[in-house]
């Protein structure tokens, strides 16, 4: 099984403390993929990281909303980065 891809579609904010991603499964069967997101401050320092394991149907793309309010750093976040490789777990 191949790894998938992850694309950031929306960063977290105080009004909406969720990071939104699109996760694509290139495989001919369903799978679960790990995704990782970094929250950065205005100086580009990573203030928090969050991750999840998400199921994605075969040859499909899933929208993932990852809650990051629990990191305690949403108020310092000015931008987000996502690891573009969504690792196939099972």
N, C-alpha and C. Protein backbone atom coordinates (compact mmCIF):
# COMPACT_ATOMS: atom_id res chain seq x y z
N UNK A 1 0.83 -1.18 0.00
CA UNK A 1 0.00 0.00 0.00
C UNK A 1 0.89 1.25 0.00
N UNK A 2 0.46 2.23 -0.78
CA UNK A 2 1.21 3.49 -0.89
C UNK A 2 0.71 4.49 0.15
N UNK A 3 1.62 5.40 0.54
CA UNK A 3 1.20 6.52 1.38
C UNK A 3 0.31 7.44 0.57
N UNK A 4 -0.51 8.21 1.27
CA UNK A 4 -1.37 9.19 0.61
C UNK A 4 -0.77 10.58 0.68
N UNK A 5 -1.58 11.56 0.36
CA UNK A 5 -1.15 12.95 0.42
C UNK A 5 -2.10 13.73 1.32
N UNK A 6 -1.56 14.78 1.93
CA UNK A 6 -2.34 15.67 2.77
C UNK A 6 -2.11 17.10 2.32
N UNK A 7 -3.20 17.85 2.21
CA UNK A 7 -3.12 19.25 1.79
C UNK A 7 -3.91 20.09 2.79
N UNK A 8 -3.28 21.13 3.29
CA UNK A 8 -3.93 22.06 4.20
C UNK A 8 -4.94 22.91 3.44
N UNK A 9 -6.17 22.98 3.93
CA UNK A 9 -7.16 23.85 3.31
C UNK A 9 -7.54 25.03 4.20
N UNK A 10 -7.31 24.87 5.53
CA UNK A 10 -7.62 25.98 6.43
C UNK A 10 -6.85 25.81 7.74
N UNK A 11 -6.24 26.90 8.18
CA UNK A 11 -5.51 26.91 9.44
C UNK A 11 -6.48 27.21 10.59
N UNK A 12 -6.06 26.89 11.79
CA UNK A 12 -6.86 27.16 12.98
C UNK A 12 -6.82 28.64 13.34
N UNK A 13 -7.89 29.09 13.98
CA UNK A 13 -7.96 30.46 14.49
C UNK A 13 -8.72 30.43 15.81
N UNK A 14 -8.75 31.53 16.53
CA UNK A 14 -9.50 31.60 17.78
C UNK A 14 -11.00 31.39 17.52
N UNK A 15 -11.49 31.88 16.39
CA UNK A 15 -12.91 31.72 16.05
C UNK A 15 -13.25 30.29 15.63
N UNK A 16 -12.30 29.58 15.06
CA UNK A 16 -12.50 28.22 14.59
C UNK A 16 -11.23 27.41 14.87
N UNK A 17 -11.11 26.84 16.08
CA UNK A 17 -9.87 26.17 16.48
C UNK A 17 -9.70 24.76 15.88
N UNK A 18 -9.87 24.68 14.58
CA UNK A 18 -9.70 23.43 13.85
C UNK A 18 -8.82 23.67 12.63
N UNK A 19 -7.97 22.70 12.33
CA UNK A 19 -7.21 22.71 11.09
C UNK A 19 -7.97 21.79 10.14
N UNK A 20 -8.17 22.25 8.89
CA UNK A 20 -8.88 21.44 7.92
C UNK A 20 -7.91 20.98 6.84
N UNK A 21 -7.95 19.68 6.56
CA UNK A 21 -7.07 19.05 5.58
C UNK A 21 -7.88 18.22 4.59
N UNK A 22 -7.28 18.01 3.43
CA UNK A 22 -7.79 17.04 2.47
C UNK A 22 -6.77 15.91 2.44
N UNK A 23 -7.21 14.69 2.69
CA UNK A 23 -6.32 13.52 2.69
C UNK A 23 -6.75 12.61 1.56
N UNK A 24 -5.81 12.30 0.67
CA UNK A 24 -6.11 11.47 -0.51
C UNK A 24 -5.49 10.09 -0.36
N UNK A 25 -6.29 9.07 -0.67
CA UNK A 25 -5.85 7.67 -0.67
C UNK A 25 -5.68 7.22 -2.12
N UNK A 26 -4.45 6.95 -2.56
CA UNK A 26 -4.21 6.55 -3.95
C UNK A 26 -4.42 5.05 -4.20
N UNK A 27 -4.73 4.31 -3.15
CA UNK A 27 -4.79 2.86 -3.23
C UNK A 27 -6.16 2.34 -3.67
N UNK A 28 -6.18 1.10 -4.13
CA UNK A 28 -7.40 0.45 -4.60
C UNK A 28 -8.22 -0.15 -3.46
N UNK A 29 -7.78 0.05 -2.23
CA UNK A 29 -8.57 -0.40 -1.09
C UNK A 29 -8.52 0.64 0.02
N UNK A 30 -9.52 0.58 0.89
CA UNK A 30 -9.62 1.52 2.00
C UNK A 30 -8.39 1.44 2.89
N UNK A 31 -8.09 2.55 3.57
CA UNK A 31 -6.95 2.56 4.47
C UNK A 31 -7.09 3.63 5.53
N UNK A 32 -6.22 3.56 6.51
CA UNK A 32 -6.14 4.57 7.56
C UNK A 32 -4.79 5.26 7.41
N UNK A 33 -4.80 6.60 7.44
CA UNK A 33 -3.60 7.39 7.18
C UNK A 33 -3.32 8.33 8.35
N UNK A 34 -2.05 8.45 8.71
CA UNK A 34 -1.63 9.39 9.76
C UNK A 34 -1.27 10.73 9.13
N UNK A 35 -1.76 11.79 9.75
CA UNK A 35 -1.45 13.15 9.29
C UNK A 35 -0.90 13.95 10.46
N UNK A 36 0.00 14.90 10.16
CA UNK A 36 0.62 15.74 11.17
C UNK A 36 0.57 17.20 10.73
N UNK A 37 0.20 18.06 11.68
CA UNK A 37 0.09 19.50 11.41
C UNK A 37 0.91 20.26 12.45
N UNK A 38 1.61 21.30 12.01
CA UNK A 38 2.34 22.17 12.91
C UNK A 38 1.68 23.54 12.96
N UNK A 39 1.61 24.11 14.14
CA UNK A 39 1.08 25.46 14.32
C UNK A 39 2.27 26.38 14.59
N UNK A 40 2.40 27.44 13.80
CA UNK A 40 3.52 28.37 13.94
C UNK A 40 3.06 29.75 14.38
N UNK A 41 3.96 30.44 15.08
CA UNK A 41 3.69 31.82 15.47
C UNK A 41 4.22 32.77 14.40
N UNK A 42 4.13 34.05 14.66
CA UNK A 42 4.52 35.06 13.66
C UNK A 42 6.02 35.03 13.34
N UNK A 43 6.83 34.46 14.22
CA UNK A 43 8.27 34.34 13.97
C UNK A 43 8.62 33.03 13.26
N UNK A 44 7.61 32.22 12.97
CA UNK A 44 7.85 30.96 12.28
C UNK A 44 8.22 29.81 13.20
N UNK A 45 8.15 30.05 14.51
CA UNK A 45 8.44 28.98 15.48
C UNK A 45 7.23 28.07 15.63
N UNK A 46 7.48 26.77 15.71
CA UNK A 46 6.39 25.83 15.96
C UNK A 46 6.00 25.91 17.42
N UNK A 47 4.74 26.25 17.67
CA UNK A 47 4.25 26.38 19.04
C UNK A 47 3.46 25.14 19.48
N UNK A 48 3.02 24.34 18.51
CA UNK A 48 2.31 23.10 18.84
C UNK A 48 2.23 22.23 17.60
N UNK A 49 2.05 20.95 17.83
CA UNK A 49 1.82 20.00 16.74
C UNK A 49 0.61 19.16 17.11
N UNK A 50 -0.09 18.71 16.09
CA UNK A 50 -1.25 17.85 16.29
C UNK A 50 -1.25 16.80 15.20
N UNK A 51 -1.83 15.68 15.50
CA UNK A 51 -1.90 14.62 14.51
C UNK A 51 -3.14 13.79 14.69
N UNK A 52 -3.42 12.98 13.69
CA UNK A 52 -4.59 12.12 13.74
C UNK A 52 -4.40 10.95 12.79
N UNK A 53 -5.17 9.91 13.02
CA UNK A 53 -5.26 8.80 12.08
C UNK A 53 -6.67 8.85 11.50
N UNK A 54 -6.75 8.90 10.17
CA UNK A 54 -8.04 9.07 9.52
C UNK A 54 -8.29 7.98 8.50
N UNK A 55 -9.49 7.39 8.51
CA UNK A 55 -9.84 6.42 7.47
C UNK A 55 -10.21 7.15 6.17
N UNK A 56 -9.74 6.61 5.05
CA UNK A 56 -10.06 7.18 3.74
C UNK A 56 -10.40 6.02 2.81
N UNK A 57 -11.53 6.15 2.12
CA UNK A 57 -11.96 5.11 1.20
C UNK A 57 -10.99 5.00 0.02
N UNK A 58 -11.01 3.85 -0.63
CA UNK A 58 -10.14 3.60 -1.78
C UNK A 58 -10.32 4.65 -2.86
N UNK A 59 -9.20 5.15 -3.39
CA UNK A 59 -9.20 6.12 -4.49
C UNK A 59 -10.07 7.35 -4.20
N UNK A 60 -10.10 7.76 -2.94
CA UNK A 60 -10.97 8.86 -2.54
C UNK A 60 -10.18 9.90 -1.75
N UNK A 61 -10.82 11.02 -1.50
CA UNK A 61 -10.25 12.09 -0.69
C UNK A 61 -11.22 12.39 0.44
N UNK A 62 -10.69 12.50 1.66
CA UNK A 62 -11.52 12.79 2.83
C UNK A 62 -11.14 14.15 3.40
N UNK A 63 -12.15 14.87 3.88
CA UNK A 63 -11.91 16.12 4.57
C UNK A 63 -11.76 15.81 6.05
N UNK A 64 -10.69 16.32 6.64
CA UNK A 64 -10.39 16.07 8.04
C UNK A 64 -10.37 17.41 8.77
N UNK A 65 -11.14 17.49 9.86
CA UNK A 65 -11.09 18.67 10.74
C UNK A 65 -10.44 18.22 12.03
N UNK A 66 -9.26 18.75 12.28
CA UNK A 66 -8.45 18.36 13.42
C UNK A 66 -8.51 19.44 14.49
N UNK A 67 -9.13 19.13 15.62
CA UNK A 67 -9.25 20.10 16.71
C UNK A 67 -7.92 20.36 17.38
N UNK A 68 -7.56 21.62 17.54
CA UNK A 68 -6.28 21.96 18.14
C UNK A 68 -6.43 22.89 19.35
N UNK A 69 -7.65 23.11 19.81
CA UNK A 69 -7.87 23.99 20.95
C UNK A 69 -7.13 23.48 22.19
N UNK A 70 -7.02 22.17 22.34
CA UNK A 70 -6.35 21.57 23.48
C UNK A 70 -4.85 21.81 23.53
N UNK A 71 -4.27 22.30 22.45
CA UNK A 71 -2.83 22.58 22.46
C UNK A 71 -2.50 23.79 23.31
N UNK A 72 -3.49 24.66 23.52
CA UNK A 72 -3.26 25.86 24.31
C UNK A 72 -2.54 26.97 23.58
N UNK A 73 -2.33 26.82 22.25
CA UNK A 73 -1.54 27.79 21.51
C UNK A 73 -2.26 28.38 20.30
N UNK A 74 -3.55 28.19 20.22
CA UNK A 74 -4.28 28.71 19.06
C UNK A 74 -4.18 30.23 19.00
N UNK A 75 -4.16 30.88 20.15
CA UNK A 75 -4.07 32.34 20.18
C UNK A 75 -2.75 32.87 19.63
N UNK A 76 -1.69 32.04 19.62
CA UNK A 76 -0.39 32.44 19.10
C UNK A 76 -0.17 32.03 17.65
N UNK A 77 -1.10 31.25 17.09
CA UNK A 77 -0.92 30.69 15.76
C UNK A 77 -1.21 31.73 14.67
N UNK A 78 -0.25 31.90 13.77
CA UNK A 78 -0.47 32.78 12.61
C UNK A 78 -0.53 32.00 11.31
N UNK A 79 0.05 30.79 11.32
CA UNK A 79 -0.06 29.92 10.14
C UNK A 79 0.18 28.47 10.53
N UNK A 80 -0.22 27.59 9.64
CA UNK A 80 -0.10 26.15 9.87
C UNK A 80 0.68 25.52 8.72
N UNK A 81 1.32 24.41 9.03
CA UNK A 81 1.97 23.62 8.00
C UNK A 81 1.50 22.18 8.17
N UNK A 82 1.44 21.47 7.07
CA UNK A 82 1.04 20.08 7.12
C UNK A 82 2.12 19.23 6.46
N UNK A 83 2.39 18.07 7.03
CA UNK A 83 3.28 17.11 6.40
C UNK A 83 2.54 16.60 5.16
N UNK A 84 3.09 16.81 3.96
CA UNK A 84 2.35 16.46 2.74
C UNK A 84 2.17 14.96 2.53
N UNK A 85 2.96 14.16 3.22
CA UNK A 85 2.79 12.71 3.10
C UNK A 85 1.89 12.21 4.22
N UNK A 86 0.76 11.62 3.85
CA UNK A 86 -0.13 10.99 4.80
C UNK A 86 0.29 9.52 4.86
N UNK A 87 0.87 9.12 5.95
CA UNK A 87 1.45 7.79 6.06
C UNK A 87 0.36 6.72 6.19
N UNK A 88 0.45 5.70 5.32
CA UNK A 88 -0.49 4.59 5.39
C UNK A 88 -0.20 3.78 6.65
N UNK A 89 -1.23 3.58 7.48
CA UNK A 89 -1.06 2.81 8.72
C UNK A 89 -1.57 1.39 8.58
N UNK A 90 -2.78 1.24 8.03
CA UNK A 90 -3.36 -0.08 7.83
C UNK A 90 -4.63 0.00 7.04
